Amino acid sequence: MYKKEQYLYAKDKNVKAKVRNYDKEDFSELMKIQRESFPPPFPSELLWNEKQLQNHITLFQDGALCVEIDGVLAGSITGLLVNFDPSHPRHTWEEITDSGYISNHDNNGKTLYVVDICVRPAYRKLNLGKLLMQSLYETVVHLKLERLLGGGRMPGYREHSNNLSPQEYVERVVEGSMYDPVISFLLRCGRTPLELVPNYLEDEESCNYALLMEWRNPFNG
């Protein structure tokens, strides 16, 4: 079981954050957080349902984490283990996560794949997304895995799609001359770009693209 507490600074005071595994009692609040975090035009059918959440805690509880602030559930992150072949990196979110049900979780997999991360808008100034991502990095080290991997949405791309190709947009975001809410965040979390993937997810804001990004275990070889 994962359990971590630390203080975060916000509005001239310190607040205690608690990261832990989520369980069945959290399901209702987790689904509410999803609705708050991913409003339209994000497809509502991609938000968590109870069966998916039950699979998360049954099949791979190590990858099912949430964060509390003063007893209030403020965000979550979910992953599964997969066997990833860097020479054939392209895939869709539905394929690699079994559409979020993670029934393809492989206990012998060496790559921790991020299925989802979300933080309530009211708590985003606390950098809880980074805290949750770091917690999964610690899980990678604890389980002696090779890497953490996931596809990063590109929600800022749609407004530039008439002027820039997806690759040009990614290059500008990575070099820092442009900002993307998700890709820039993942870069600050220590993730590095691996592959631009078309048709990764039905996502109007990203024009269905995603940037595959990894974090490699520094203690692995």
C-alpha atoms as a PDB file:
ATOM      1  CA  MET A   1       0.000   0.000   0.000  1.00  0.00           C
ATOM      2  CA  TYR A   2       1.188   3.512  -0.841  1.00  0.00           C
ATOM      3  CA  LYS A   3       0.967   6.295   1.728  1.00  0.00           C
ATOM      4  CA  LYS A   4       2.748   9.628   1.664  1.00  0.00           C
ATOM      5  CA  GLU A   5       2.175  12.960   3.396  1.00  0.00           C
ATOM      6  CA  GLN A   6       3.825  16.283   2.733  1.00  0.00           C
ATOM      7  CA  TYR A   7       3.135  19.979   3.071  1.00  0.00           C
ATOM      8  CA  LEU A   8       2.414  22.237   0.116  1.00  0.00           C
ATOM      9  CA  TYR A   9       2.417  26.032   0.086  1.00  0.00           C
ATOM     10  CA  ALA A  10      -0.680  27.953  -0.976  1.00  0.00           C
ATOM     11  CA  LYS A  11      -2.065  31.436  -0.213  1.00  0.00           C
ATOM     12  CA  ASP A  12       0.453  32.286   2.479  1.00  0.00           C
ATOM     13  CA  LYS A  13       0.038  29.038   4.378  1.00  0.00           C
ATOM     14  CA  ASN A  14       1.095  25.404   4.292  1.00  0.00           C
ATOM     15  CA  VAL A  15      -1.484  22.691   3.652  1.00  0.00           C
ATOM     16  CA  LYS A  16      -1.012  18.971   4.186  1.00  0.00           C
ATOM     17  CA  ALA A  17      -1.372  16.690   1.164  1.00  0.00           C
ATOM     18  CA  LYS A  18      -1.913  12.972   1.595  1.00  0.00           C
ATOM     19  CA  VAL A  19      -1.280  10.588  -1.313  1.00  0.00           C
ATOM     20  CA  ARG A  20      -2.701   7.087  -0.941  1.00  0.00           C
ATOM     21  CA  ASN A  21      -4.260   4.218  -2.872  1.00  0.00           C
ATOM     22  CA  TYR A  22      -7.893   4.870  -3.704  1.00  0.00           C
ATOM     23  CA  ASP A  23     -10.578   2.299  -2.868  1.00  0.00           C
ATOM     24  CA  LYS A  24     -14.264   1.586  -3.408  1.00  0.00           C
ATOM     25  CA  GLU A  25     -15.385   4.241  -0.939  1.00  0.00           C
ATOM     26  CA  ASP A  26     -13.750   6.868  -3.164  1.00  0.00           C
ATOM     27  CA  PHE A  27     -15.514   5.908  -6.413  1.00  0.00           C
ATOM     28  CA  SER A  28     -18.343   8.450  -6.275  1.00  0.00           C
ATOM     29  CA  GLU A  29     -15.981  11.334  -5.588  1.00  0.00           C
ATOM     30  CA  LEU A  30     -13.489  10.160  -8.215  1.00  0.00           C
ATOM     31  CA  MET A  31     -16.186  10.184 -10.883  1.00  0.00           C
ATOM     32  CA  LYS A  32     -17.215  13.679  -9.784  1.00  0.00           C
ATOM     33  CA  ILE A  33     -13.598  14.855 -10.067  1.00  0.00           C
ATOM     34  CA  GLN A  34     -13.482  13.481 -13.609  1.00  0.00           C
ATOM     35  CA  ARG A  35     -16.527  15.516 -14.618  1.00  0.00           C
ATOM     36  CA  GLU A  36     -15.004  18.661 -13.111  1.00  0.00           C
ATOM     37  CA  SER A  37     -11.587  18.068 -14.673  1.00  0.00           C
ATOM     38  CA  PHE A  38     -12.690  17.137 -18.189  1.00  0.00           C
ATOM     39  CA  PRO A  39     -15.669  19.288 -19.219  1.00  0.00           C
ATOM     40  CA  PRO A  40     -17.057  19.294 -22.784  1.00  0.00           C
ATOM     41  CA  PRO A  41     -15.908  19.020 -25.536  1.00  0.00           C
ATOM     42  CA  PHE A  42     -14.018  16.151 -23.853  1.00  0.00           C
ATOM     43  CA  PRO A  43     -16.078  12.994 -24.639  1.00  0.00           C
ATOM     44  CA  SER A  44     -18.219  12.082 -21.623  1.00  0.00           C
ATOM     45  CA  GLU A  45     -17.940   8.376 -22.462  1.00  0.00           C
ATOM     46  CA  LEU A  46     -14.230   8.559 -21.641  1.00  0.00           C
ATOM     47  CA  LEU A  47     -14.889   9.558 -18.017  1.00  0.00           C
ATOM     48  CA  TRP A  48     -14.530   6.864 -15.356  1.00  0.00           C
ATOM     49  CA  ASN A  49     -17.363   4.522 -14.556  1.00  0.00           C
ATOM     50  CA  GLU A  50     -17.643   2.266 -11.525  1.00  0.00           C
ATOM     51  CA  LYS A  51     -16.630  -0.929 -13.344  1.00  0.00           C
ATOM     52  CA  GLN A  52     -13.406   0.667 -14.566  1.00  0.00           C
ATOM     53  CA  LEU A  53     -12.549   1.910 -11.091  1.00  0.00           C
ATOM     54  CA  GLN A  54     -13.242  -1.518  -9.610  1.00  0.00           C
ATOM     55  CA  ASN A  55     -10.822  -3.036 -12.124  1.00  0.00           C
ATOM     56  CA  HIS A  56      -8.184  -0.468 -11.192  1.00  0.00           C
ATOM     57  CA  ILE A  57      -8.157  -1.433  -7.522  1.00  0.00           C
ATOM     58  CA  THR A  58      -8.584  -5.160  -8.199  1.00  0.00           C
ATOM     59  CA  LEU A  59      -6.047  -5.671 -10.981  1.00  0.00           C
ATOM     60  CA  PHE A  60      -3.314  -3.192 -10.006  1.00  0.00           C
ATOM     61  CA  GLN A  61      -3.872  -1.263  -6.812  1.00  0.00           C
ATOM     62  CA  ASP A  62      -0.256  -0.024  -6.879  1.00  0.00           C
ATOM     63  CA  GLY A  63      -1.258   2.095  -9.883  1.00  0.00           C
ATOM     64  CA  ALA A  64      -4.431   3.546  -8.340  1.00  0.00           C
ATOM     65  CA  LEU A  65      -3.504   6.662  -6.358  1.00  0.00           C
ATOM     66  CA  CYS A  66      -5.377   9.701  -5.100  1.00  0.00           C
ATOM     67  CA  VAL A  67      -4.509  12.832  -3.156  1.00  0.00           C
ATOM     68  CA  GLU A  68      -6.401  14.443  -0.290  1.00  0.00           C
ATOM     69  CA  ILE A  69      -6.166  18.021   0.945  1.00  0.00           C
ATOM     70  CA  ASP A  70      -7.581  18.506   4.454  1.00  0.00           C
ATOM     71  CA  GLY A  71      -9.646  15.369   3.991  1.00  0.00           C
ATOM     72  CA  VAL A  72     -11.060  16.424   0.613  1.00  0.00           C
ATOM     73  CA  LEU A  73     -10.316  14.212  -2.385  1.00  0.00           C
ATOM     74  CA  ALA A  74      -8.612  16.569  -4.859  1.00  0.00           C
ATOM     75  CA  GLY A  75      -7.192  14.399  -7.644  1.00  0.00           C
ATOM     76  CA  SER A  76      -6.125  10.980  -8.844  1.00  0.00           C
ATOM     77  CA  ILE A  77      -3.730   9.141 -11.118  1.00  0.00           C
ATOM     78  CA  THR A  78      -4.104   5.633 -12.520  1.00  0.00           C
ATOM     79  CA  GLY A  79      -1.718   3.258 -14.291  1.00  0.00           C
ATOM     80  CA  LEU A  80      -1.223  -0.329 -15.398  1.00  0.00           C
ATOM     81  CA  LEU A  81       1.777  -2.478 -16.272  1.00  0.00           C
ATOM     82  CA  VAL A  82       2.451  -3.268 -19.927  1.00  0.00           C
ATOM     83  CA  ASN A  83       5.233  -4.700 -22.073  1.00  0.00           C
ATOM     84  CA  PHE A  84       6.313  -1.823 -24.296  1.00  0.00           C
ATOM     85  CA  ASP A  85       8.462  -2.218 -27.408  1.00  0.00           C
ATOM     86  CA  PRO A  86      10.289   1.080 -28.134  1.00  0.00           C
ATOM     87  CA  SER A  87      10.891  -0.038 -31.724  1.00  0.00           C
ATOM     88  CA  HIS A  88       7.103  -0.079 -32.285  1.00  0.00           C
ATOM     89  CA  PRO A  89       5.888   2.760 -30.080  1.00  0.00           C
ATOM     90  CA  ARG A  90       2.612   3.758 -31.745  1.00  0.00           C
ATOM     91  CA  HIS A  91      -0.700   2.695 -30.234  1.00  0.00           C
ATOM     92  CA  THR A  92      -4.032   4.169 -29.210  1.00  0.00           C
ATOM     93  CA  TRP A  93      -5.202   4.913 -25.712  1.00  0.00           C
ATOM     94  CA  GLU A  94      -8.019   2.382 -26.103  1.00  0.00           C
ATOM     95  CA  GLU A  95      -5.622  -0.382 -27.178  1.00  0.00           C
ATOM     96  CA  ILE A  96      -3.048  -0.003 -24.436  1.00  0.00           C
ATOM     97  CA  THR A  97      -5.486   0.632 -21.564  1.00  0.00           C
ATOM     98  CA  ASP A  98      -8.358  -1.595 -22.739  1.00  0.00           C
ATOM     99  CA  SER A  99     -10.456   1.589 -22.946  1.00  0.00           C
ATOM    100  CA  GLY A 100      -9.637   2.367 -19.324  1.00  0.00           C
ATOM    101  CA  TYR A 101     -10.701  -1.046 -17.972  1.00  0.00           C
ATOM    102  CA  ILE A 102      -7.028  -2.243 -17.773  1.00  0.00           C
ATOM    103  CA  SER A 103      -8.030  -5.904 -18.149  1.00  0.00           C
ATOM    104  CA  ASN A 104      -4.834  -6.260 -20.218  1.00  0.00           C
ATOM    105  CA  HIS A 105      -2.701  -5.392 -17.161  1.00  0.00           C
ATOM    106  CA  ASP A 106       0.418  -7.587 -17.145  1.00  0.00           C
ATOM    107  CA  ASN A 107       1.970  -8.270 -13.734  1.00  0.00           C
ATOM    108  CA  ASN A 108       5.256  -9.045 -15.519  1.00  0.00           C
ATOM    109  CA  GLY A 109       5.270  -5.816 -17.526  1.00  0.00           C
ATOM    110  CA  LYS A 110       8.247  -3.498 -17.077  1.00  0.00           C
ATOM    111  CA  THR A 111       6.533  -0.268 -18.134  1.00  0.00           C
ATOM    112  CA  LEU A 112       4.094   1.600 -15.898  1.00  0.00           C
ATOM    113  CA  TYR A 113       1.610   3.202 -18.288  1.00  0.00           C
ATOM    114  CA  VAL A 114      -0.388   6.239 -17.166  1.00  0.00           C
ATOM    115  CA  VAL A 115      -4.055   5.714 -17.953  1.00  0.00           C
ATOM    116  CA  ASP A 116      -5.271   9.014 -16.548  1.00  0.00           C
ATOM    117  CA  ILE A 117      -4.410  11.923 -14.286  1.00  0.00           C
ATOM    118  CA  CYS A 118      -6.871  14.545 -13.123  1.00  0.00           C
ATOM    119  CA  VAL A 119      -6.985  17.274 -10.480  1.00  0.00           C
ATOM    120  CA  ARG A 120      -9.947  19.352  -9.402  1.00  0.00           C
ATOM    121  CA  PRO A 121      -9.666  22.848 -10.942  1.00  0.00           C
ATOM    122  CA  ALA A 122      -9.969  24.488  -7.522  1.00  0.00           C
ATOM    123  CA  TYR A 123      -6.815  22.680  -6.332  1.00  0.00           C
ATOM    124  CA  ARG A 124      -4.559  23.008  -9.371  1.00  0.00           C
ATOM    125  CA  LYS A 125      -2.440  25.836  -7.970  1.00  0.00           C
ATOM    126  CA  LEU A 126      -1.055  23.361  -5.440  1.00  0.00           C
ATOM    127  CA  ASN A 127       0.821  21.402  -8.150  1.00  0.00           C
ATOM    128  CA  LEU A 128      -1.000  18.224  -7.167  1.00  0.00           C
ATOM    129  CA  GLY A 129      -0.575  16.812 -10.664  1.00  0.00           C
ATOM    130  CA  LYS A 130       3.179  16.932 -10.240  1.00  0.00           C
ATOM    131  CA  LEU A 131       2.899  15.367  -6.790  1.00  0.00           C
ATOM    132  CA  LEU A 132       0.825  12.486  -8.178  1.00  0.00           C
ATOM    133  CA  MET A 133       3.229  11.982 -11.082  1.00  0.00           C
ATOM    134  CA  GLN A 134       6.189  11.877  -8.708  1.00  0.00           C
ATOM    135  CA  SER A 135       4.338   9.300  -6.633  1.00  0.00           C
ATOM    136  CA  LEU A 136       4.095   7.014  -9.664  1.00  0.00           C
ATOM    137  CA  TYR A 137       7.812   7.587 -10.328  1.00  0.00           C
ATOM    138  CA  GLU A 138       8.407   6.257  -6.821  1.00  0.00           C
ATOM    139  CA  THR A 139       6.239   3.252  -7.703  1.00  0.00           C
ATOM    140  CA  VAL A 140       8.423   2.626 -10.778  1.00  0.00           C
ATOM    141  CA  VAL A 141      11.509   2.599  -8.571  1.00  0.00           C
ATOM    142  CA  HIS A 142       9.856   0.483  -5.869  1.00  0.00           C
ATOM    143  CA  LEU A 143       8.740  -2.163  -8.379  1.00  0.00           C
ATOM    144  CA  LYS A 144      12.089  -2.012 -10.234  1.00  0.00           C
ATOM    145  CA  LEU A 145      10.441  -1.175 -13.552  1.00  0.00           C
ATOM    146  CA  GLU A 146      12.105   0.296 -16.637  1.00  0.00           C
ATOM    147  CA  ARG A 147       9.989   3.380 -17.162  1.00  0.00           C
ATOM    148  CA  LEU A 148       6.801   5.329 -16.738  1.00  0.00           C
ATOM    149  CA  LEU A 149       5.077   6.030 -20.038  1.00  0.00           C
ATOM    150  CA  GLY A 150       1.941   7.764 -21.267  1.00  0.00           C
ATOM    151  CA  GLY A 151       0.390   9.771 -24.049  1.00  0.00           C
ATOM    152  CA  GLY A 152       0.106  13.473 -23.355  1.00  0.00           C
ATOM    153  CA  ARG A 153      -2.886  15.320 -24.803  1.00  0.00           C
ATOM    154  CA  MET A 154      -2.140  18.484 -26.805  1.00  0.00           C
ATOM    155  CA  PRO A 155      -5.182  20.656 -25.976  1.00  0.00           C
ATOM    156  CA  GLY A 156      -3.513  23.835 -27.182  1.00  0.00           C
ATOM    157  CA  TYR A 157      -2.938  22.490 -30.678  1.00  0.00           C
ATOM    158  CA  ARG A 158      -6.383  23.066 -32.195  1.00  0.00           C
ATOM    159  CA  GLU A 159      -6.050  26.850 -32.214  1.00  0.00           C
ATOM    160  CA  HIS A 160      -2.714  26.565 -34.057  1.00  0.00           C
ATOM    161  CA  SER A 161      -3.613  23.678 -36.381  1.00  0.00           C
ATOM    162  CA  ASN A 162      -4.179  25.976 -39.397  1.00  0.00           C
ATOM    163  CA  ASN A 163      -0.636  27.323 -39.159  1.00  0.00           C
ATOM    164  CA  LEU A 164       1.463  24.531 -37.672  1.00  0.00           C
ATOM    165  CA  SER A 165       1.778  20.810 -38.266  1.00  0.00           C
ATOM    166  CA  PRO A 166       1.483  18.677 -35.121  1.00  0.00           C
ATOM    167  CA  GLN A 167       5.240  18.068 -35.187  1.00  0.00           C
ATOM    168  CA  GLU A 168       6.007  21.796 -35.495  1.00  0.00           C
ATOM    169  CA  TYR A 169       3.670  22.529 -32.598  1.00  0.00           C
ATOM    170  CA  VAL A 170       5.339  19.907 -30.410  1.00  0.00           C
ATOM    171  CA  GLU A 171       8.809  21.203 -31.266  1.00  0.00           C
ATOM    172  CA  ARG A 172       7.854  24.741 -30.237  1.00  0.00           C
ATOM    173  CA  VAL A 173       6.300  23.575 -26.985  1.00  0.00           C
ATOM    174  CA  VAL A 174       9.329  21.436 -26.131  1.00  0.00           C
ATOM    175  CA  GLU A 175      11.764  24.282 -26.849  1.00  0.00           C
ATOM    176  CA  GLY A 176       9.630  26.585 -24.690  1.00  0.00           C
ATOM    177  CA  SER A 177       8.551  29.153 -27.289  1.00  0.00           C
ATOM    178  CA  MET A 178       4.927  27.973 -27.008  1.00  0.00           C
ATOM    179  CA  TYR A 179       2.873  26.704 -24.074  1.00  0.00           C
ATOM    180  CA  ASP A 180       0.555  23.713 -23.975  1.00  0.00           C
ATOM    181  CA  PRO A 181      -1.426  23.007 -20.766  1.00  0.00           C
ATOM    182  CA  VAL A 182      -0.610  19.300 -20.773  1.00  0.00           C
ATOM    183  CA  ILE A 183       2.699  18.865 -22.639  1.00  0.00           C
ATOM    184  CA  SER A 184       4.352  21.777 -20.813  1.00  0.00           C
ATOM    185  CA  PHE A 185       3.147  20.337 -17.500  1.00  0.00           C
ATOM    186  CA  LEU A 186       4.558  16.899 -18.308  1.00  0.00           C
ATOM    187  CA  LEU A 187       7.909  18.407 -19.276  1.00  0.00           C
ATOM    188  CA  ARG A 188       8.036  20.149 -15.895  1.00  0.00           C
ATOM    189  CA  CYS A 189       7.320  16.785 -14.284  1.00  0.00           C
ATOM    190  CA  GLY A 190      10.444  15.310 -15.863  1.00  0.00           C
ATOM    191  CA  ARG A 191       8.869  13.458 -18.773  1.00  0.00           C
ATOM    192  CA  THR A 192      10.711  13.403 -22.106  1.00  0.00           C
ATOM    193  CA  PRO A 193       9.178  13.169 -25.615  1.00  0.00           C
ATOM    194  CA  LEU A 194       9.304   9.825 -27.366  1.00  0.00           C
ATOM    195  CA  GLU A 195       6.848   9.769 -30.300  1.00  0.00           C
ATOM    196  CA  LEU A 196       4.057  11.872 -31.775  1.00  0.00           C
ATOM    197  CA  VAL A 197       1.020   9.600 -32.176  1.00  0.00           C
ATOM    198  CA  PRO A 198      -1.913  10.348 -34.530  1.00  0.00           C
ATOM    199  CA  ASN A 199      -5.412   9.082 -33.727  1.00  0.00           C
ATOM    200  CA  TYR A 200      -4.386   8.349 -30.149  1.00  0.00           C
ATOM    201  CA  LEU A 201      -7.680   9.447 -28.638  1.00  0.00           C
ATOM    202  CA  GLU A 202     -10.918  11.069 -29.759  1.00  0.00           C
ATOM    203  CA  ASP A 203     -10.003  14.577 -28.644  1.00  0.00           C
ATOM    204  CA  GLU A 204     -11.093  17.655 -30.587  1.00  0.00           C
ATOM    205  CA  GLU A 205      -8.764  20.024 -28.741  1.00  0.00           C
ATOM    206  CA  SER A 206      -5.731  17.895 -29.653  1.00  0.00           C
ATOM    207  CA  CYS A 207      -6.997  17.076 -33.150  1.00  0.00           C
ATOM    208  CA  ASN A 208      -6.747  13.452 -31.944  1.00  0.00           C
ATOM    209  CA  TYR A 209      -2.951  13.663 -31.510  1.00  0.00           C
ATOM    210  CA  ALA A 210      -0.914  12.874 -28.422  1.00  0.00           C
ATOM    211  CA  LEU A 211       2.756  13.038 -27.542  1.00  0.00           C
ATOM    212  CA  LEU A 212       4.096   9.814 -26.074  1.00  0.00           C
ATOM    213  CA  MET A 213       6.388  10.793 -23.177  1.00  0.00           C
ATOM    214  CA  GLU A 214       8.425   8.700 -20.760  1.00  0.00           C
ATOM    215  CA  TRP A 215      10.317   8.860 -17.486  1.00  0.00           C
ATOM    216  CA  ARG A 216      13.053   6.254 -17.210  1.00  0.00           C
ATOM    217  CA  ASN A 217      14.017   4.641 -13.927  1.00  0.00           C
ATOM    218  CA  PRO A 218      17.452   6.121 -13.093  1.00  0.00           C
ATOM    219  CA  PHE A 219      18.287   3.004 -11.027  1.00  0.00           C
ATOM    220  CA  ASN A 220      17.570   0.577 -13.865  1.00  0.00           C
ATOM    221  CA  GLY A 221      20.898  -0.329 -15.431  1.00  0.00           C
END
